[in-house]
Amino acid sequence: MSHVFKLGDRVRRASFGFANVRMPGARSGDAVETDIFEVVRLVPGDQTGEPAYRIKSSSGERAVREGEITAV
C-alpha cells in the first residue's frame, strides 16, 4: 500500500468520538485533536500493511497511522 500523504502535507488527527477531548493525564500544553500537523517523514507500513507517518506541530512530533489523519 502506498502513502496517500506526502512530505510537507498539512494534516489533522482524525476525531474519534468527542471532538477536542484531551486524554486523561494530558497537560495544558499538550496537543489537542484540532492541531494542524505537517508530515515530516513517511514510515513503512506495519504488519497490517497500513502506511504510517511522523507528523509535527508546534506542540510536538508524533507517529500516526494513515487512518488516524485527514487532509486539511
Protein backbone atom coordinates (compact mmCIF):
# COMPACT_ATOMS: atom_id res chain seq x y z
CA MET A 1 0.00 0.00 0.00
CA SER A 2 1.45 3.38 -0.93
CA HIS A 3 1.29 6.58 1.13
CA VAL A 4 -1.61 8.95 0.45
CA PHE A 5 0.10 11.94 2.11
CA LYS A 6 3.45 13.36 1.01
CA LEU A 7 6.21 15.21 2.87
CA GLY A 8 5.10 18.73 3.76
CA ASP A 9 1.35 17.97 3.56
CA ARG A 10 -0.74 19.58 6.28
CA VAL A 11 -2.97 17.14 8.16
CA ARG A 12 -5.21 16.95 11.20
CA ARG A 13 -5.68 13.99 13.50
CA ALA A 14 -9.00 12.33 12.77
CA SER A 15 -11.58 12.73 15.52
CA PHE A 16 -12.92 9.53 17.01
CA GLY A 17 -15.77 10.15 19.41
CA PHE A 18 -15.96 13.55 21.07
CA ALA A 19 -14.04 16.37 19.37
CA ASN A 20 -11.40 18.31 21.30
CA VAL A 21 -11.29 15.83 24.18
CA ARG A 22 -7.94 15.51 25.91
CA MET A 23 -6.64 12.16 27.01
CA PRO A 24 -6.62 11.56 30.78
CA GLY A 25 -3.42 12.94 32.30
CA ALA A 26 -2.80 15.37 29.43
CA ARG A 27 -1.09 18.62 30.36
CA SER A 28 -2.39 22.03 29.30
CA GLY A 29 0.32 22.41 26.62
CA ASP A 30 -0.34 19.02 25.03
CA ALA A 31 -1.75 18.75 21.50
CA VAL A 32 -5.50 18.62 21.07
CA GLU A 33 -7.36 16.96 18.24
CA THR A 34 -7.74 20.25 16.34
CA ASP A 35 -3.97 20.90 15.99
CA ILE A 36 -2.65 21.15 12.44
CA PHE A 37 0.37 18.94 11.75
CA GLU A 38 2.91 18.74 8.93
CA VAL A 39 4.06 15.37 7.55
CA VAL A 40 7.81 15.20 8.21
CA ARG A 41 8.55 11.52 7.50
CA LEU A 42 6.96 8.62 5.61
CA VAL A 43 7.19 5.38 7.59
CA PRO A 44 6.84 1.91 6.01
CA GLY A 45 3.64 0.04 6.75
CA ASP A 46 3.40 -2.18 9.79
CA GLN A 47 2.36 -5.86 9.77
CA THR A 48 -1.14 -4.84 8.63
CA GLY A 49 0.32 -3.02 5.64
CA GLU A 50 -1.10 0.36 6.69
CA PRO A 51 1.37 3.20 5.97
CA ALA A 52 2.46 5.39 8.85
CA TYR A 53 3.84 8.91 9.23
CA ARG A 54 5.76 11.17 11.57
CA ILE A 55 3.82 14.40 11.95
CA LYS A 56 4.89 17.61 13.67
CA SER A 57 3.13 20.68 15.09
CA SER A 58 4.13 23.49 17.40
CA SER A 59 3.23 21.24 20.32
CA GLY A 60 5.46 18.33 19.30
CA GLU A 61 6.03 15.38 17.00
CA ARG A 62 4.28 12.00 16.96
CA ALA A 63 3.86 8.82 14.93
CA VAL A 64 0.45 8.01 13.42
CA ARG A 65 -1.07 5.50 11.03
CA GLU A 66 -2.65 6.73 7.84
CA GLY A 67 -6.18 6.01 9.11
CA GLU A 68 -5.62 8.37 12.06
CA ILE A 69 -5.15 11.54 9.99
CA THR A 70 -7.11 13.57 7.44
CA ALA A 71 -6.10 16.29 4.99
CA VAL A 72 -6.58 19.92 6.00
